[in-house]
Amino acid sequence: MNKIIVIALAAFLGLSALDARAQQPDGRNDKRHRHFDKELFETKINAFITAELGLTPEEAAKFIPLCNEFRQKVFEAGRNCRRLSREVQKKKSPAESDCLKSIDECLEAGIREAELTKEYYEQFKKVLPPEKLCKYRDAEHKFAHIFMEDTATPRN
């Protein structure tokens, strides 16, 4: 049963990647033509994590919503950092105060992210056995690498 789930998820991820490539008619990887589909991203990462960790349906039903909530809170914690960083990058000669404000905000975002990580890992421990939880962070990094590689690859 688990092999069937893993195979189905792998096939879904593969077909999704092909579908995303097919949607780029000119084959270019241009920022102006990019559209981030949050739902598709969450579907792909959740399927990937479920397969990589070998989650049972019961574990996935408890763990995946927590992961989604965690990712959303981390994203929100870094929102101001990203905004200020973009503003500084756009300026030809940013003021020292703007640079310092951006740096301080990003440091605070990092602290908030660490606090969220600690908070959520305590919840994760109640849902998953330690062996699977150990694989979680690696699976997220692996997915990020694959996802970034796929979006950076020029389309043919």
C-alpha atoms as a PDB file:
ATOM      1  CA  MET A   1       0.000   0.000   0.000  1.00  0.00           C
ATOM      2  CA  ASN A   2       2.772   2.465   0.931  1.00  0.00           C
ATOM      3  CA  LYS A   3       4.633   1.636  -2.299  1.00  0.00           C
ATOM      4  CA  ILE A   4       1.531   2.506  -4.287  1.00  0.00           C
ATOM      5  CA  ILE A   5       1.226   5.855  -2.505  1.00  0.00           C
ATOM      6  CA  VAL A   6       4.900   6.652  -3.062  1.00  0.00           C
ATOM      7  CA  ILE A   7       4.715   5.706  -6.747  1.00  0.00           C
ATOM      8  CA  ALA A   8       1.543   7.740  -7.237  1.00  0.00           C
ATOM      9  CA  LEU A   9       3.089  10.764  -5.532  1.00  0.00           C
ATOM     10  CA  ALA A  10       6.277  10.472  -7.570  1.00  0.00           C
ATOM     11  CA  ALA A  11       4.248  10.252 -10.770  1.00  0.00           C
ATOM     12  CA  PHE A  12       2.220  13.290  -9.748  1.00  0.00           C
ATOM     13  CA  LEU A  13       5.370  15.298  -9.079  1.00  0.00           C
ATOM     14  CA  GLY A  14       6.879  14.268 -12.392  1.00  0.00           C
ATOM     15  CA  LEU A  15       3.760  15.089 -14.366  1.00  0.00           C
ATOM     16  CA  SER A  16       3.388  18.399 -12.559  1.00  0.00           C
ATOM     17  CA  ALA A  17       6.942  19.341 -13.503  1.00  0.00           C
ATOM     18  CA  LEU A  18       6.263  18.486 -17.146  1.00  0.00           C
ATOM     19  CA  ASP A  19       3.006  20.422 -17.066  1.00  0.00           C
ATOM     20  CA  ALA A  20       4.755  23.487 -15.631  1.00  0.00           C
ATOM     21  CA  ARG A  21       7.334  23.333 -18.434  1.00  0.00           C
ATOM     22  CA  ALA A  22       4.654  22.977 -21.061  1.00  0.00           C
ATOM     23  CA  GLN A  23       2.961  26.155 -19.809  1.00  0.00           C
ATOM     24  CA  GLN A  24       5.997  28.276 -20.807  1.00  0.00           C
ATOM     25  CA  PRO A  25       5.265  28.819 -24.526  1.00  0.00           C
ATOM     26  CA  ASP A  26       8.403  30.821 -25.313  1.00  0.00           C
ATOM     27  CA  GLY A  27      10.712  28.662 -23.221  1.00  0.00           C
ATOM     28  CA  ARG A  28      12.159  31.631 -21.344  1.00  0.00           C
ATOM     29  CA  ASN A  29      12.661  31.912 -17.616  1.00  0.00           C
ATOM     30  CA  ASP A  30      11.746  35.581 -17.302  1.00  0.00           C
ATOM     31  CA  LYS A  31      10.675  37.137 -13.994  1.00  0.00           C
ATOM     32  CA  ARG A  32       7.948  39.093 -15.754  1.00  0.00           C
ATOM     33  CA  HIS A  33       6.348  35.819 -16.888  1.00  0.00           C
ATOM     34  CA  ARG A  34       6.579  33.972 -13.626  1.00  0.00           C
ATOM     35  CA  HIS A  35       3.564  33.275 -11.506  1.00  0.00           C
ATOM     36  CA  PHE A  36       3.919  31.520  -8.192  1.00  0.00           C
ATOM     37  CA  ASP A  37       1.093  29.086  -7.607  1.00  0.00           C
ATOM     38  CA  LYS A  38       1.027  28.664  -3.843  1.00  0.00           C
ATOM     39  CA  GLU A  39      -1.509  25.826  -3.903  1.00  0.00           C
ATOM     40  CA  LEU A  40       0.497  23.872  -6.454  1.00  0.00           C
ATOM     41  CA  PHE A  41       3.679  24.464  -4.451  1.00  0.00           C
ATOM     42  CA  GLU A  42       2.027  23.226  -1.252  1.00  0.00           C
ATOM     43  CA  THR A  43       0.612  20.187  -3.034  1.00  0.00           C
ATOM     44  CA  LYS A  44       4.038  19.303  -4.417  1.00  0.00           C
ATOM     45  CA  ILE A  45       5.990  19.853  -1.196  1.00  0.00           C
ATOM     46  CA  ASN A  46       3.425  17.992   0.890  1.00  0.00           C
ATOM     47  CA  ALA A  47       3.465  15.033  -1.501  1.00  0.00           C
ATOM     48  CA  PHE A  48       7.261  15.083  -1.511  1.00  0.00           C
ATOM     49  CA  ILE A  49       7.499  15.199   2.295  1.00  0.00           C
ATOM     50  CA  THR A  50       4.889  12.463   2.662  1.00  0.00           C
ATOM     51  CA  ALA A  51       6.880  10.218   0.327  1.00  0.00           C
ATOM     52  CA  GLU A  52      10.351  11.090   1.678  1.00  0.00           C
ATOM     53  CA  LEU A  53       9.325  10.516   5.293  1.00  0.00           C
ATOM     54  CA  GLY A  54       7.181   7.486   4.484  1.00  0.00           C
ATOM     55  CA  LEU A  55       4.224   8.959   6.339  1.00  0.00           C
ATOM     56  CA  THR A  56       1.200   6.804   6.985  1.00  0.00           C
ATOM     57  CA  PRO A  57      -2.133   8.376   6.027  1.00  0.00           C
ATOM     58  CA  GLU A  58      -2.818   8.972   9.729  1.00  0.00           C
ATOM     59  CA  GLU A  59       0.560  10.670  10.252  1.00  0.00           C
ATOM     60  CA  ALA A  60       0.130  12.772   7.116  1.00  0.00           C
ATOM     61  CA  ALA A  61      -3.359  13.879   8.219  1.00  0.00           C
ATOM     62  CA  LYS A  62      -1.881  15.283  11.441  1.00  0.00           C
ATOM     63  CA  PHE A  63       1.567  16.383  10.272  1.00  0.00           C
ATOM     64  CA  ILE A  64       0.924  18.092   6.920  1.00  0.00           C
ATOM     65  CA  PRO A  65      -1.517  20.734   8.268  1.00  0.00           C
ATOM     66  CA  LEU A  66       1.042  21.602  10.959  1.00  0.00           C
ATOM     67  CA  CYS A  67       3.751  21.908   8.286  1.00  0.00           C
ATOM     68  CA  ASN A  68       1.558  24.217   6.220  1.00  0.00           C
ATOM     69  CA  GLU A  69       0.817  26.383   9.243  1.00  0.00           C
ATOM     70  CA  PHE A  70       4.518  26.472  10.182  1.00  0.00           C
ATOM     71  CA  ARG A  71       5.614  27.465   6.658  1.00  0.00           C
ATOM     72  CA  GLN A  72       2.967  30.199   6.534  1.00  0.00           C
ATOM     73  CA  LYS A  73       4.051  31.672   9.862  1.00  0.00           C
ATOM     74  CA  VAL A  74       7.724  31.595   8.849  1.00  0.00           C
ATOM     75  CA  PHE A  75       6.803  33.292   5.569  1.00  0.00           C
ATOM     76  CA  GLU A  76       4.896  36.002   7.438  1.00  0.00           C
ATOM     77  CA  ALA A  77       7.755  36.465   9.914  1.00  0.00           C
ATOM     78  CA  GLY A  78      10.101  37.287   7.034  1.00  0.00           C
ATOM     79  CA  ARG A  79       7.722  39.496   5.059  1.00  0.00           C
ATOM     80  CA  ASN A  80       9.036  42.828   6.355  1.00  0.00           C
ATOM     81  CA  CYS A  81      12.641  41.677   5.934  1.00  0.00           C
ATOM     82  CA  ARG A  82      12.011  40.821   2.291  1.00  0.00           C
ATOM     83  CA  ARG A  83      10.214  44.121   1.674  1.00  0.00           C
ATOM     84  CA  LEU A  84      12.964  46.231   3.230  1.00  0.00           C
ATOM     85  CA  SER A  85      15.679  44.249   1.459  1.00  0.00           C
ATOM     86  CA  ARG A  86      13.996  44.817  -1.917  1.00  0.00           C
ATOM     87  CA  GLU A  87      13.692  48.542  -1.193  1.00  0.00           C
ATOM     88  CA  VAL A  88      17.392  48.798  -0.348  1.00  0.00           C
ATOM     89  CA  GLN A  89      18.385  46.772  -3.424  1.00  0.00           C
ATOM     90  CA  LYS A  90      16.357  49.034  -5.716  1.00  0.00           C
ATOM     91  CA  LYS A  91      18.195  52.151  -4.551  1.00  0.00           C
ATOM     92  CA  LYS A  92      21.362  53.069  -6.382  1.00  0.00           C
ATOM     93  CA  SER A  93      22.926  54.475  -3.202  1.00  0.00           C
ATOM     94  CA  PRO A  94      20.839  53.435  -0.202  1.00  0.00           C
ATOM     95  CA  ALA A  95      21.131  55.478   2.968  1.00  0.00           C
ATOM     96  CA  GLU A  96      23.047  53.932   5.834  1.00  0.00           C
ATOM     97  CA  SER A  97      19.924  54.121   7.987  1.00  0.00           C
ATOM     98  CA  ASP A  98      17.937  52.146   5.381  1.00  0.00           C
ATOM     99  CA  CYS A  99      20.631  49.467   5.251  1.00  0.00           C
ATOM    100  CA  LEU A 100      20.756  49.206   9.033  1.00  0.00           C
ATOM    101  CA  LYS A 101      16.957  49.060   9.274  1.00  0.00           C
ATOM    102  CA  SER A 102      16.887  46.240   6.713  1.00  0.00           C
ATOM    103  CA  ILE A 103      19.675  44.338   8.482  1.00  0.00           C
ATOM    104  CA  ASP A 104      18.019  44.700  11.882  1.00  0.00           C
ATOM    105  CA  GLU A 105      14.639  43.594  10.548  1.00  0.00           C
ATOM    106  CA  CYS A 106      16.169  40.543   8.876  1.00  0.00           C
ATOM    107  CA  LEU A 107      17.989  39.606  12.082  1.00  0.00           C
ATOM    108  CA  GLU A 108      14.702  39.898  13.993  1.00  0.00           C
ATOM    109  CA  ALA A 109      12.997  37.758  11.343  1.00  0.00           C
ATOM    110  CA  GLY A 110      15.688  35.116  11.821  1.00  0.00           C
ATOM    111  CA  ILE A 111      15.060  35.125  15.561  1.00  0.00           C
ATOM    112  CA  ARG A 112      11.294  34.827  15.027  1.00  0.00           C
ATOM    113  CA  GLU A 113      11.892  31.955  12.600  1.00  0.00           C
ATOM    114  CA  ALA A 114      14.051  30.147  15.170  1.00  0.00           C
ATOM    115  CA  GLU A 115      11.351  30.625  17.810  1.00  0.00           C
ATOM    116  CA  LEU A 116       8.696  29.271  15.440  1.00  0.00           C
ATOM    117  CA  THR A 117      10.923  26.326  14.552  1.00  0.00           C
ATOM    118  CA  LYS A 118      11.320  25.442  18.218  1.00  0.00           C
ATOM    119  CA  GLU A 119       7.594  25.851  18.882  1.00  0.00           C
ATOM    120  CA  TYR A 120       6.515  23.735  15.914  1.00  0.00           C
ATOM    121  CA  TYR A 121       9.106  21.014  16.390  1.00  0.00           C
ATOM    122  CA  GLU A 122       7.655  20.482  19.863  1.00  0.00           C
ATOM    123  CA  GLN A 123       4.279  19.922  18.193  1.00  0.00           C
ATOM    124  CA  PHE A 124       5.851  17.742  15.482  1.00  0.00           C
ATOM    125  CA  LYS A 125       7.353  15.497  18.186  1.00  0.00           C
ATOM    126  CA  LYS A 126       3.829  14.681  19.349  1.00  0.00           C
ATOM    127  CA  VAL A 127       2.783  13.582  15.846  1.00  0.00           C
ATOM    128  CA  LEU A 128       5.805  11.782  14.360  1.00  0.00           C
ATOM    129  CA  PRO A 129       8.340   9.293  15.658  1.00  0.00           C
ATOM    130  CA  PRO A 130      11.875  10.751  16.016  1.00  0.00           C
ATOM    131  CA  GLU A 131      13.205   8.784  13.022  1.00  0.00           C
ATOM    132  CA  LYS A 132      10.735  10.451  10.656  1.00  0.00           C
ATOM    133  CA  LEU A 133      11.136  13.858  12.240  1.00  0.00           C
ATOM    134  CA  CYS A 134      14.902  13.645  11.702  1.00  0.00           C
ATOM    135  CA  LYS A 135      14.244  13.207   7.978  1.00  0.00           C
ATOM    136  CA  TYR A 136      11.869  16.180   7.795  1.00  0.00           C
ATOM    137  CA  ARG A 137      14.352  19.052   7.595  1.00  0.00           C
ATOM    138  CA  ASP A 138      16.482  17.189   5.043  1.00  0.00           C
ATOM    139  CA  ALA A 139      13.370  16.508   2.963  1.00  0.00           C
ATOM    140  CA  GLU A 140      12.441  20.212   2.967  1.00  0.00           C
ATOM    141  CA  HIS A 141      15.961  21.185   1.888  1.00  0.00           C
ATOM    142  CA  LYS A 142      15.995  18.480  -0.782  1.00  0.00           C
ATOM    143  CA  PHE A 143      12.657  19.682  -2.132  1.00  0.00           C
ATOM    144  CA  ALA A 144      13.834  23.312  -2.131  1.00  0.00           C
ATOM    145  CA  HIS A 145      16.904  22.301  -4.124  1.00  0.00           C
ATOM    146  CA  ILE A 146      14.836  20.330  -6.642  1.00  0.00           C
ATOM    147  CA  PHE A 147      12.221  23.095  -6.875  1.00  0.00           C
ATOM    148  CA  MET A 148      14.803  25.847  -7.403  1.00  0.00           C
ATOM    149  CA  GLU A 149      16.687  23.740  -9.918  1.00  0.00           C
ATOM    150  CA  ASP A 150      13.484  23.092 -11.845  1.00  0.00           C
ATOM    151  CA  THR A 151      12.445  26.766 -11.890  1.00  0.00           C
ATOM    152  CA  ALA A 152      15.947  27.914 -12.861  1.00  0.00           C
ATOM    153  CA  THR A 153      16.288  25.466 -15.747  1.00  0.00           C
ATOM    154  CA  PRO A 154      15.734  27.182 -19.100  1.00  0.00           C
ATOM    155  CA  ARG A 155      12.685  25.831 -20.879  1.00  0.00           C
ATOM    156  CA  ASN A 156      13.111  24.209 -24.300  1.00  0.00           C
END
